[in-house]
Protein backbone atom coordinates (compact mmCIF):
# COMPACT_ATOMS: atom_id res chain seq x y z
CA UNK A 1 -134.00 35.42 -201.94
CA UNK A 2 -133.72 31.70 -201.41
CA UNK A 3 -136.37 30.15 -199.17
CA UNK A 4 -135.21 28.81 -195.83
CA UNK A 5 -135.27 25.02 -195.70
CA UNK A 6 -138.26 23.60 -193.84
CA UNK A 7 -137.55 21.70 -190.61
CA UNK A 8 -136.79 18.08 -191.39
CA UNK A 9 -137.18 16.67 -187.89
CA UNK A 10 -139.86 17.11 -185.23
CA UNK A 11 -140.25 16.07 -181.58
CA UNK A 12 -143.26 13.83 -181.04
CA UNK A 13 -143.62 15.06 -177.44
CA UNK A 14 -143.65 18.85 -177.70
CA UNK A 15 -143.49 19.60 -181.46
CA UNK A 16 -140.02 21.15 -181.40
CA UNK A 17 -138.48 21.26 -184.90
CA UNK A 18 -134.90 21.17 -186.09
CA UNK A 19 -133.05 20.88 -189.40
CA UNK A 20 -130.75 18.12 -188.09
CA UNK A 21 -131.54 14.97 -186.22
CA UNK A 22 -130.83 15.03 -182.49
CA UNK A 23 -130.99 12.23 -179.98
CA UNK A 24 -132.44 14.57 -177.36
CA UNK A 25 -135.14 17.18 -177.81
CA UNK A 26 -133.84 20.70 -177.27
CA UNK A 27 -137.16 21.87 -175.79
CA UNK A 28 -138.57 19.14 -173.53
CA UNK A 29 -135.22 17.32 -173.04
CA UNK A 30 -136.72 13.91 -173.86
CA UNK A 31 -134.53 11.23 -175.44
CA UNK A 32 -135.46 9.41 -178.64
CA UNK A 33 -138.49 11.56 -179.52
CA UNK A 34 -137.04 13.43 -182.53
CA UNK A 35 -138.21 11.84 -185.79
CA UNK A 36 -138.43 12.90 -189.41
CA UNK A 37 -141.13 15.45 -190.04
CA UNK A 38 -142.47 13.37 -192.94
CA UNK A 39 -142.66 10.24 -190.80
CA UNK A 40 -146.07 9.41 -189.29
CA UNK A 41 -146.39 10.87 -185.79
CA UNK A 42 -149.84 9.57 -184.92
CA UNK A 43 -151.65 12.72 -186.10
CA UNK A 44 -153.76 12.33 -189.22
CA UNK A 45 -154.21 15.21 -191.57
CA UNK A 46 -157.89 14.57 -192.26
CA UNK A 47 -160.54 12.56 -190.45
CA UNK A 48 -164.01 11.53 -191.57
CA UNK A 49 -166.66 12.37 -188.97
CA UNK A 50 -168.47 9.35 -187.53
CA UNK A 51 -171.90 9.65 -186.01
CA UNK A 52 -172.04 8.39 -182.44
CA UNK A 53 -174.59 5.77 -181.45
CA UNK A 54 -177.59 6.73 -179.35
CA UNK A 55 -176.17 5.23 -176.16
CA UNK A 56 -172.90 7.17 -176.60
CA UNK A 57 -174.40 10.47 -177.79
CA UNK A 58 -173.56 13.65 -175.87
CA UNK A 59 -176.24 14.60 -173.37
CA UNK A 60 -176.69 17.23 -170.62
CA UNK A 61 -174.63 16.53 -167.55
CA UNK A 62 -177.77 16.55 -165.42
CA UNK A 63 -178.98 13.47 -167.31
CA UNK A 64 -175.71 11.54 -166.91
CA UNK A 65 -175.87 8.52 -164.63
CA UNK A 66 -173.32 8.61 -161.81
CA UNK A 67 -172.28 5.32 -160.26
CA UNK A 68 -170.02 5.02 -157.24
CA UNK A 69 -167.10 2.75 -158.09
CA UNK A 70 -166.63 0.11 -155.38
CA UNK A 71 -163.20 -0.30 -153.86
CA UNK A 72 -161.59 -3.36 -152.40
CA UNK A 73 -158.96 -3.33 -149.70
CA UNK A 74 -155.41 -4.39 -150.45
CA UNK A 75 -155.01 -5.67 -146.89
CA UNK A 76 -152.49 -2.92 -146.03
CA UNK A 77 -154.20 0.01 -144.31
CA UNK A 78 -151.41 2.50 -145.02
CA UNK A 79 -151.43 1.61 -148.73
CA UNK A 80 -155.23 1.98 -148.86
CA UNK A 81 -154.98 5.34 -147.09
CA UNK A 82 -152.76 6.78 -149.83
CA UNK A 83 -155.01 5.41 -152.60
CA UNK A 84 -158.04 7.08 -151.05
CA UNK A 85 -159.66 4.09 -149.35
CA UNK A 86 -158.66 1.11 -151.47
CA UNK A 87 -157.98 -0.08 -155.00
CA UNK A 88 -160.55 0.92 -157.64
CA UNK A 89 -161.31 -1.76 -160.28
CA UNK A 90 -159.87 -0.75 -163.65
CA UNK A 91 -157.39 1.71 -162.13
CA UNK A 92 -153.86 2.01 -163.47
CA UNK A 93 -151.50 2.81 -160.57
CA UNK A 94 -147.87 3.83 -161.09
CA UNK A 95 -145.43 3.36 -158.20
CA UNK A 96 -142.03 5.04 -158.52
CA UNK A 97 -139.03 5.27 -156.23
CA UNK A 98 -135.27 5.12 -155.90
CA UNK A 99 -133.50 1.80 -156.55
CA UNK A 100 -133.50 -0.40 -153.48
CA UNK A 101 -136.14 1.56 -151.56
CA UNK A 102 -138.48 -1.45 -151.46
CA UNK A 103 -140.96 -1.03 -154.32
CA UNK A 104 -140.94 -4.70 -155.31
CA UNK A 105 -141.13 -5.83 -151.70
CA UNK A 106 -144.13 -3.58 -151.05
CA UNK A 107 -146.02 -4.77 -154.14
CA UNK A 108 -145.24 -8.41 -153.38
CA UNK A 109 -146.78 -7.86 -149.96
CA UNK A 110 -149.82 -6.24 -151.59
CA UNK A 111 -150.11 -9.22 -153.96
CA UNK A 112 -149.90 -11.66 -151.04
CA UNK A 113 -152.57 -9.83 -149.01
CA UNK A 114 -154.87 -9.71 -152.04
CA UNK A 115 -154.35 -13.43 -152.70
CA UNK A 116 -155.23 -14.22 -149.10
CA UNK A 117 -158.65 -12.63 -149.64
CA UNK A 118 -159.37 -15.08 -152.48
CA UNK A 119 -158.45 -12.81 -155.41
CA UNK A 120 -156.29 -14.13 -158.24
CA UNK A 121 -153.13 -12.07 -158.60
CA UNK A 122 -150.65 -12.13 -161.48
CA UNK A 123 -147.20 -10.79 -160.63
CA UNK A 124 -145.07 -10.24 -163.76
CA UNK A 125 -141.42 -9.56 -163.04
CA UNK A 126 -139.46 -8.26 -166.01
CA UNK A 127 -136.31 -7.73 -163.94
CA UNK A 128 -136.05 -10.89 -161.83
CA UNK A 129 -136.53 -14.57 -162.45
CA UNK A 130 -139.35 -16.58 -160.92
CA UNK A 131 -136.86 -18.23 -158.57
CA UNK A 132 -135.62 -14.88 -157.26
CA UNK A 133 -139.15 -13.67 -156.59
CA UNK A 134 -139.94 -16.99 -154.88
CA UNK A 135 -136.97 -16.58 -152.52
CA UNK A 136 -138.11 -13.09 -151.52
CA UNK A 137 -141.67 -14.36 -151.06
CA UNK A 138 -140.42 -17.09 -148.72
CA UNK A 139 -138.52 -14.53 -146.67
CA UNK A 140 -141.49 -12.19 -146.37
CA UNK A 141 -144.14 -14.89 -145.97
CA UNK A 142 -145.93 -14.03 -149.22
CA UNK A 143 -146.53 -17.57 -150.53
CA UNK A 144 -150.08 -18.35 -151.67
CA UNK A 145 -151.68 -20.59 -154.26
CA UNK A 146 -153.67 -17.71 -155.79
CA UNK A 147 -150.51 -15.68 -156.43
CA UNK A 148 -149.18 -16.44 -159.92
CA UNK A 149 -145.64 -15.51 -160.95
CA UNK A 150 -144.22 -14.92 -164.43
CA UNK A 151 -140.90 -13.60 -165.63
CA UNK A 152 -141.49 -11.95 -169.00
CA UNK A 153 -140.40 -8.83 -170.89
CA UNK A 154 -142.53 -9.17 -174.04
CA UNK A 155 -145.87 -7.35 -173.95
CA UNK A 156 -147.67 -9.84 -176.20
CA UNK A 157 -146.66 -12.74 -173.95
CA UNK A 158 -147.84 -10.81 -170.89
CA UNK A 159 -151.24 -10.35 -172.53
CA UNK A 160 -151.30 -14.11 -173.09
CA UNK A 161 -150.64 -14.67 -169.37
CA UNK A 162 -153.54 -12.35 -168.58
CA UNK A 163 -155.90 -14.35 -170.81
CA UNK A 164 -154.71 -17.62 -169.29
CA UNK A 165 -154.77 -16.66 -165.60
CA UNK A 166 -157.71 -14.18 -165.67
CA UNK A 167 -156.35 -12.26 -162.66
CA UNK A 168 -158.22 -9.77 -160.51
CA UNK A 169 -155.03 -7.82 -159.85
CA UNK A 170 -152.05 -7.38 -162.18
CA UNK A 171 -148.59 -6.19 -161.12
CA UNK A 172 -145.91 -5.28 -163.69
CA UNK A 173 -142.36 -4.82 -162.39
CA UNK A 174 -141.35 -2.69 -164.18
CA UNK A 175 -142.92 -0.83 -167.11
CA UNK A 176 -139.54 0.42 -168.39
CA UNK A 177 -138.26 -3.15 -168.91
CA UNK A 178 -141.25 -4.38 -170.96
CA UNK A 179 -141.10 -4.01 -174.75
CA UNK A 180 -143.60 -4.41 -177.59
CA UNK A 181 -142.93 -5.71 -181.09
CA UNK A 182 -145.30 -3.04 -182.43
CA UNK A 183 -142.87 -0.27 -181.51
CA UNK A 184 -139.29 0.31 -182.58
CA UNK A 185 -136.40 0.74 -180.18
CA UNK A 186 -135.17 -0.94 -177.06
CA UNK A 187 -137.12 -1.37 -173.84
CA UNK A 188 -137.19 1.80 -171.78
CA UNK A 189 -137.07 4.20 -174.70
CA UNK A 190 -139.91 6.75 -174.87
CA UNK A 191 -141.65 5.03 -177.79
CA UNK A 192 -141.65 1.66 -176.05
CA UNK A 193 -142.85 3.11 -172.74
CA UNK A 194 -145.69 4.93 -174.50
CA UNK A 195 -146.81 1.79 -176.33
CA UNK A 196 -146.61 -0.50 -173.27
CA UNK A 197 -148.35 1.92 -170.91
CA UNK A 198 -151.10 2.70 -173.45
CA UNK A 199 -151.87 -0.99 -174.03
CA UNK A 200 -151.86 -1.88 -170.34
CA UNK A 201 -154.07 1.10 -169.47
CA UNK A 202 -156.55 0.09 -172.17
CA UNK A 203 -156.61 -3.48 -170.84
CA UNK A 204 -157.29 -2.14 -167.34
CA UNK A 205 -160.27 -0.08 -168.51
CA UNK A 206 -161.77 -2.76 -170.76
CA UNK A 207 -161.62 -5.57 -168.16
CA UNK A 208 -161.99 -3.57 -164.91
CA UNK A 209 -158.61 -5.01 -163.99
CA UNK A 210 -156.56 -2.91 -161.55
CA UNK A 211 -152.91 -2.73 -162.62
CA UNK A 212 -149.94 -1.75 -160.47
CA UNK A 213 -146.95 -0.57 -162.50
CA UNK A 214 -143.45 -0.07 -161.11
CA UNK A 215 -141.65 2.93 -162.59
CA UNK A 216 -137.94 3.73 -162.60
CA UNK A 217 -136.67 7.19 -161.73
CA UNK A 218 -133.87 9.29 -163.18
CA UNK A 219 -130.99 10.95 -161.35
CA UNK A 220 -133.09 14.02 -160.50
CA UNK A 221 -135.89 11.88 -159.04
CA UNK A 222 -138.41 12.20 -161.90
CA UNK A 223 -140.05 9.17 -163.48
CA UNK A 224 -138.04 7.79 -166.40
CA UNK A 225 -139.64 7.86 -169.83
CA UNK A 226 -142.06 10.26 -171.48
CA UNK A 227 -144.31 12.49 -169.41
CA UNK A 228 -147.24 10.81 -171.16
CA UNK A 229 -146.83 7.85 -168.79
CA UNK A 230 -147.96 9.93 -165.81
CA UNK A 231 -150.89 11.34 -167.79
CA UNK A 232 -152.18 7.92 -168.87
CA UNK A 233 -152.34 6.30 -165.43
CA UNK A 234 -154.95 7.15 -162.81
CA UNK A 235 -152.71 7.23 -159.73
CA UNK A 236 -149.04 8.16 -159.38
CA UNK A 237 -147.39 7.22 -156.07
CA UNK A 238 -143.83 7.82 -154.95
CA UNK A 239 -142.11 5.52 -152.47
CA UNK A 240 -139.29 7.34 -150.71
CA UNK A 241 -136.89 6.73 -147.88
CA UNK A 242 -133.32 7.08 -146.74
CA UNK A 243 -131.10 4.07 -147.33
CA UNK A 244 -129.55 4.60 -143.90
CA UNK A 245 -132.88 4.37 -142.05
CA UNK A 246 -135.67 1.81 -142.13
CA UNK A 247 -138.47 4.38 -142.41
CA UNK A 248 -140.32 4.64 -145.74
CA UNK A 249 -143.02 7.08 -146.89
CA UNK A 250 -145.58 6.49 -149.64
CA UNK A 251 -147.00 9.67 -151.16
CA UNK A 252 -149.64 10.18 -153.85
CA UNK A 253 -148.57 12.71 -156.49
CA UNK A 254 -151.70 12.19 -158.59
CA UNK A 255 -154.97 10.48 -157.69
CA UNK A 256 -158.14 10.57 -159.75
CA UNK A 257 -160.06 8.72 -157.04
CA UNK A 258 -158.97 10.55 -153.89
CA UNK A 259 -156.83 13.20 -152.26
CA UNK A 260 -153.14 13.68 -152.97
CA UNK A 261 -152.14 14.84 -149.50
CA UNK A 262 -152.18 11.46 -147.76
CA UNK A 263 -148.95 9.81 -146.60
CA UNK A 264 -148.42 6.16 -145.69
CA UNK A 265 -145.69 5.19 -143.25
CA UNK A 266 -143.79 1.91 -143.53
CA UNK A 267 -140.72 0.36 -141.96
CA UNK A 268 -138.29 -1.93 -143.74
CA UNK A 269 -137.80 -4.99 -141.54
CA UNK A 270 -135.99 -8.27 -141.98
CA UNK A 271 -139.17 -10.04 -143.03
CA UNK A 272 -140.32 -7.36 -145.50
CA UNK A 273 -142.28 -4.13 -145.39
CA UNK A 274 -144.21 -3.45 -142.18
CA UNK A 275 -146.83 -0.71 -142.00
CA UNK A 276 -146.56 1.83 -139.17
CA UNK A 277 -150.06 3.07 -138.27
CA UNK A 278 -148.81 5.41 -135.51
CA UNK A 279 -145.24 6.55 -136.26
CA UNK A 280 -145.10 9.03 -133.37
CA UNK A 281 -142.49 7.09 -131.39
CA UNK A 282 -140.12 6.87 -134.38
CA UNK A 283 -139.24 10.58 -134.30
CA UNK A 284 -138.79 11.00 -130.54
CA UNK A 285 -135.71 10.15 -128.48
CA UNK A 286 -135.84 8.25 -125.20
CA UNK A 287 -133.14 10.12 -123.30
CA UNK A 288 -135.55 12.13 -121.16
CA UNK A 289 -135.20 15.87 -120.61
CA UNK A 290 -131.92 17.01 -122.18
CA UNK A 291 -130.84 20.54 -122.97
CA UNK A 292 -130.99 21.31 -126.68
CA UNK A 293 -134.07 19.24 -127.59
CA UNK A 294 -137.59 20.40 -128.39
CA UNK A 295 -140.62 18.65 -129.89
CA UNK A 296 -142.56 20.17 -132.77
CA UNK A 297 -145.69 19.04 -134.61
CA UNK A 298 -145.26 18.78 -138.39
CA UNK A 299 -147.72 17.81 -141.10
CA UNK A 300 -147.01 14.88 -143.41
CA UNK A 301 -149.89 15.17 -145.84
CA UNK A 302 -152.98 15.31 -143.64
CA UNK A 303 -151.27 13.51 -140.76
CA UNK A 304 -149.81 15.39 -137.78
CA UNK A 305 -146.58 13.89 -136.44
CA UNK A 306 -144.46 14.88 -133.43
CA UNK A 307 -140.81 15.30 -134.36
CA UNK A 308 -137.98 16.03 -131.98
CA UNK A 309 -135.46 18.69 -133.00
CA UNK A 310 -132.01 18.59 -131.42
CA UNK A 311 -129.40 21.34 -131.31
CA UNK A 312 -125.79 21.47 -130.15
CA UNK A 313 -123.17 24.23 -130.07
CA UNK A 314 -119.40 23.95 -129.73
CA UNK A 315 -116.65 26.54 -129.45
CA UNK A 316 -114.90 26.96 -132.79
CA UNK A 317 -111.25 27.83 -133.45
CA UNK A 318 -111.75 28.52 -137.16
CA UNK A 319 -112.67 31.88 -138.72
CA UNK A 320 -115.82 30.40 -140.24
CA UNK A 321 -117.65 28.16 -137.76
CA UNK A 322 -119.62 25.27 -139.22
CA UNK A 323 -123.41 25.22 -139.55
CA UNK A 324 -124.39 21.56 -139.93
CA UNK A 325 -128.03 20.53 -140.41
CA UNK A 326 -129.68 17.16 -140.88
CA UNK A 327 -133.36 16.89 -141.67
CA UNK A 328 -134.02 20.64 -141.57
CA UNK A 329 -133.49 23.42 -144.09
CA UNK A 330 -130.05 24.98 -143.68
CA UNK A 331 -131.34 28.37 -144.91
CA UNK A 332 -134.08 28.42 -142.23
CA UNK A 333 -131.53 27.61 -139.52
CA UNK A 334 -129.27 30.43 -140.72
CA UNK A 335 -132.22 32.84 -140.62
CA UNK A 336 -133.17 31.74 -137.09
CA UNK A 337 -129.58 32.27 -135.92
CA UNK A 338 -129.67 35.76 -137.43
CA UNK A 339 -132.93 36.57 -135.62
CA UNK A 340 -131.56 35.29 -132.31
CA UNK A 341 -128.48 37.46 -132.80
CA UNK A 342 -130.14 40.59 -134.13
CA UNK A 343 -133.24 40.64 -131.92
CA UNK A 344 -132.25 38.81 -128.74
CA UNK A 345 -128.44 39.25 -128.57
CA UNK A 346 -127.53 35.56 -128.77
CA UNK A 347 -124.21 35.82 -130.63
CA UNK A 348 -123.07 32.46 -132.01
CA UNK A 349 -120.53 33.80 -134.51
CA UNK A 350 -117.70 32.01 -132.68
CA UNK A 351 -119.59 28.75 -132.18
CA UNK A 352 -120.32 25.79 -134.39
CA UNK A 353 -124.04 25.00 -134.56
CA UNK A 354 -125.50 21.55 -135.24
CA UNK A 355 -129.25 21.04 -135.75
CA UNK A 356 -130.79 17.65 -136.50
CA UNK A 357 -134.05 15.71 -136.33
CA UNK A 358 -134.60 12.31 -134.71
CA UNK A 359 -135.43 9.28 -136.83
CA UNK A 360 -134.19 10.62 -140.17
CA UNK A 361 -137.38 12.57 -140.94
CA UNK A 362 -137.01 15.67 -143.12
CA UNK A 363 -138.85 18.89 -142.22
CA UNK A 364 -139.49 21.38 -145.01
CA UNK A 365 -142.27 23.53 -143.55
CA UNK A 366 -141.57 26.72 -141.53
CA UNK A 367 -143.72 25.46 -138.62
CA UNK A 368 -140.57 24.01 -137.04
CA UNK A 369 -138.89 27.43 -136.68
CA UNK A 370 -140.03 27.92 -133.09
CA UNK A 371 -138.86 24.47 -131.98
CA UNK A 372 -135.46 25.02 -133.63
CA UNK A 373 -135.07 28.39 -131.86
CA UNK A 374 -136.07 26.91 -128.50
CA UNK A 375 -133.64 24.01 -128.93
CA UNK A 376 -130.78 26.39 -129.73
CA UNK A 377 -131.53 28.69 -126.78
CA UNK A 378 -132.00 25.68 -124.53
CA UNK A 379 -128.50 24.42 -125.23
CA UNK A 380 -127.08 27.95 -124.92
CA UNK A 381 -128.61 28.44 -121.46
CA UNK A 382 -128.18 24.79 -120.47
CA UNK A 383 -131.90 24.68 -119.63
CA UNK A 384 -133.67 21.41 -120.53
CA UNK A 385 -137.13 21.85 -122.00
CA UNK A 386 -139.80 19.74 -120.25
CA UNK A 387 -140.85 16.52 -121.94
CA UNK A 388 -144.51 17.58 -121.99
CA UNK A 389 -143.82 20.76 -123.99
CA UNK A 390 -144.28 21.04 -127.77
CA UNK A 391 -143.85 24.10 -129.98
CA UNK A 392 -144.71 25.02 -133.53
CA UNK A 393 -144.77 28.35 -135.35
CA UNK A 394 -143.00 30.36 -138.03
CA UNK A 395 -140.48 32.97 -136.92
CA UNK A 396 -140.36 36.21 -138.89
CA UNK A 397 -137.36 38.49 -139.30
CA UNK A 398 -138.95 40.83 -136.78
CA UNK A 399 -138.78 38.16 -134.11
CA UNK A 400 -142.51 37.44 -134.05
CA UNK A 401 -144.06 34.00 -134.07
CA UNK A 402 -146.48 33.76 -136.98
CA UNK A 403 -149.39 31.29 -137.22
CA UNK A 404 -149.12 28.20 -139.40
CA UNK A 405 -151.68 26.14 -141.27
CA UNK A 406 -153.75 23.33 -139.74
CA UNK A 407 -153.13 24.62 -136.23
CA UNK A 408 -156.21 22.92 -134.76
CA UNK A 409 -155.12 19.47 -135.97
CA UNK A 410 -151.59 20.00 -134.64
CA UNK A 411 -152.99 20.97 -131.25
CA UNK A 412 -155.36 18.00 -131.04
CA UNK A 413 -152.60 15.56 -131.96
CA UNK A 414 -150.22 17.04 -129.38
CA UNK A 415 -152.94 16.85 -126.73
CA UNK A 416 -153.67 13.22 -127.64
CA UNK A 417 -150.02 12.33 -127.20
CA UNK A 418 -149.88 13.89 -123.73
CA UNK A 419 -148.19 17.27 -124.31
CA UNK A 420 -149.57 19.62 -121.67
CA UNK A 421 -147.79 22.83 -122.69
CA UNK A 422 -148.14 24.01 -126.31
CA UNK A 423 -146.23 27.01 -127.60
CA UNK A 424 -147.51 28.59 -130.80
CA UNK A 425 -148.62 31.95 -132.17
CA UNK A 426 -151.84 32.01 -130.08
CA UNK A 427 -149.86 32.08 -126.82
CA UNK A 428 -147.84 35.17 -127.61
CA UNK A 429 -146.57 37.08 -130.59
CA UNK A 430 -143.07 37.64 -129.22
CA UNK A 431 -140.30 35.08 -129.29
CA UNK A 432 -138.91 36.53 -126.06
CA UNK A 433 -142.06 35.51 -124.19
CA UNK A 434 -141.79 32.02 -125.65
CA UNK A 435 -138.23 31.73 -124.41
CA UNK A 436 -139.29 33.02 -121.02
CA UNK A 437 -141.97 30.32 -120.76
CA UNK A 438 -139.42 27.65 -121.63
CA UNK A 439 -136.97 29.05 -119.09
CA UNK A 440 -139.46 29.19 -116.23
CA UNK A 441 -140.66 25.66 -116.99
CA UNK A 442 -137.12 24.24 -116.94
CA UNK A 443 -135.08 23.20 -113.95
CA UNK A 444 -133.23 26.27 -112.67
CA UNK A 445 -130.93 24.38 -110.26
CA UNK A 446 -127.56 24.78 -111.93
CA UNK A 447 -124.06 25.37 -110.53
CA UNK A 448 -123.25 29.04 -109.99
CA UNK A 449 -119.96 28.71 -111.87
CA UNK A 450 -121.76 27.50 -115.03
CA UNK A 451 -124.22 30.37 -114.70
CA UNK A 452 -121.46 32.96 -114.53
CA UNK A 453 -119.69 31.44 -117.55
CA UNK A 454 -122.84 31.51 -119.67
CA UNK A 455 -123.77 35.06 -118.63
CA UNK A 456 -120.25 36.23 -119.47
CA UNK A 457 -120.33 34.49 -122.87
CA UNK A 458 -123.80 35.72 -123.89
């Protein structure tokens, strides 16, 4: 029998092999990583062992010297919070986000605050000219003599700028637009991104120079380029926000120097990015006590935030009434409607239901189930929920209110903000009791005609 031909091409990312060349790997779905199997892939077949010097020899971990790395503040408290207390010298930080969310504006503000403390900052823009960056700096008030600007896409020239300026903070905007002559392909291809990120990370470690890298994202929200980019850097942050609202969130997806559950809140203003130390008022309406609204306490990282949930129902003339949600999970709302119908006889099959949050915040945790149910029942019964009432808890299919995580922190934050009545799993295990508390606390003075109409409908 004839021998099967050996694979002629191999993926440098995952090792996938194929007999024909392909522009995209069939295993890891990376572009431009399939090369000839005989071509050098960076892995040598045989290495000669080298004896390590005495100062670099392996030793017991109990004899290793541990030294706390000092941090220095960027001047933006919310940015330092996400990084774990400040910028660590020699750290490589990757900041990703959707186009237009404000990544460059945020880093220009960080560069300006650092320059104001006396640190030399080099801002390299590979996407904009020096004049364009200067115009944005004038608008945001980020002009300073210790802030150096350069518009360059060649890696070797950027290294020359580093030697000339000797900065204490380096910002590259963005890593996908920088190319190296030592690697083939255009800027942004996996080989170029690997080469650029590896060189910049090595420079950061050798010179104790913190580097902030801007990263592009793909259509599905992941960082463009090889996955190796996220492995090389020390911190990966994601800057997110809705283009229709001014609120922005900074989250840490990876942090070798701190926790990854911190969230920084910012607001996009006319003069740049403004940090929001206490964003409680952003997610609450100012209309007073209105039927169909309820406040819940959600967790954004390790921060407890009050968020107002609003509900509205309308008689429908179509066979399939609409279920419209904004900021909450549509599947959770459908489940809550089923529980209200199956357990407590609130039939909304002929009504359109609208559920939304205030301020454009998105709630993904089940702790908002109780507030959503109270808001829906409040608008059904036309009973406004008091302004000093907050609710959080997960609703099961049996109609019970189940406990949620970090309950003590939610309670302390609600108490600090002035909420006197808290509804959660510790008050009662039955949703009916919760609804009874909300009903007794609301204003019962309603016209008799409205009462008869609601009792006849439900």
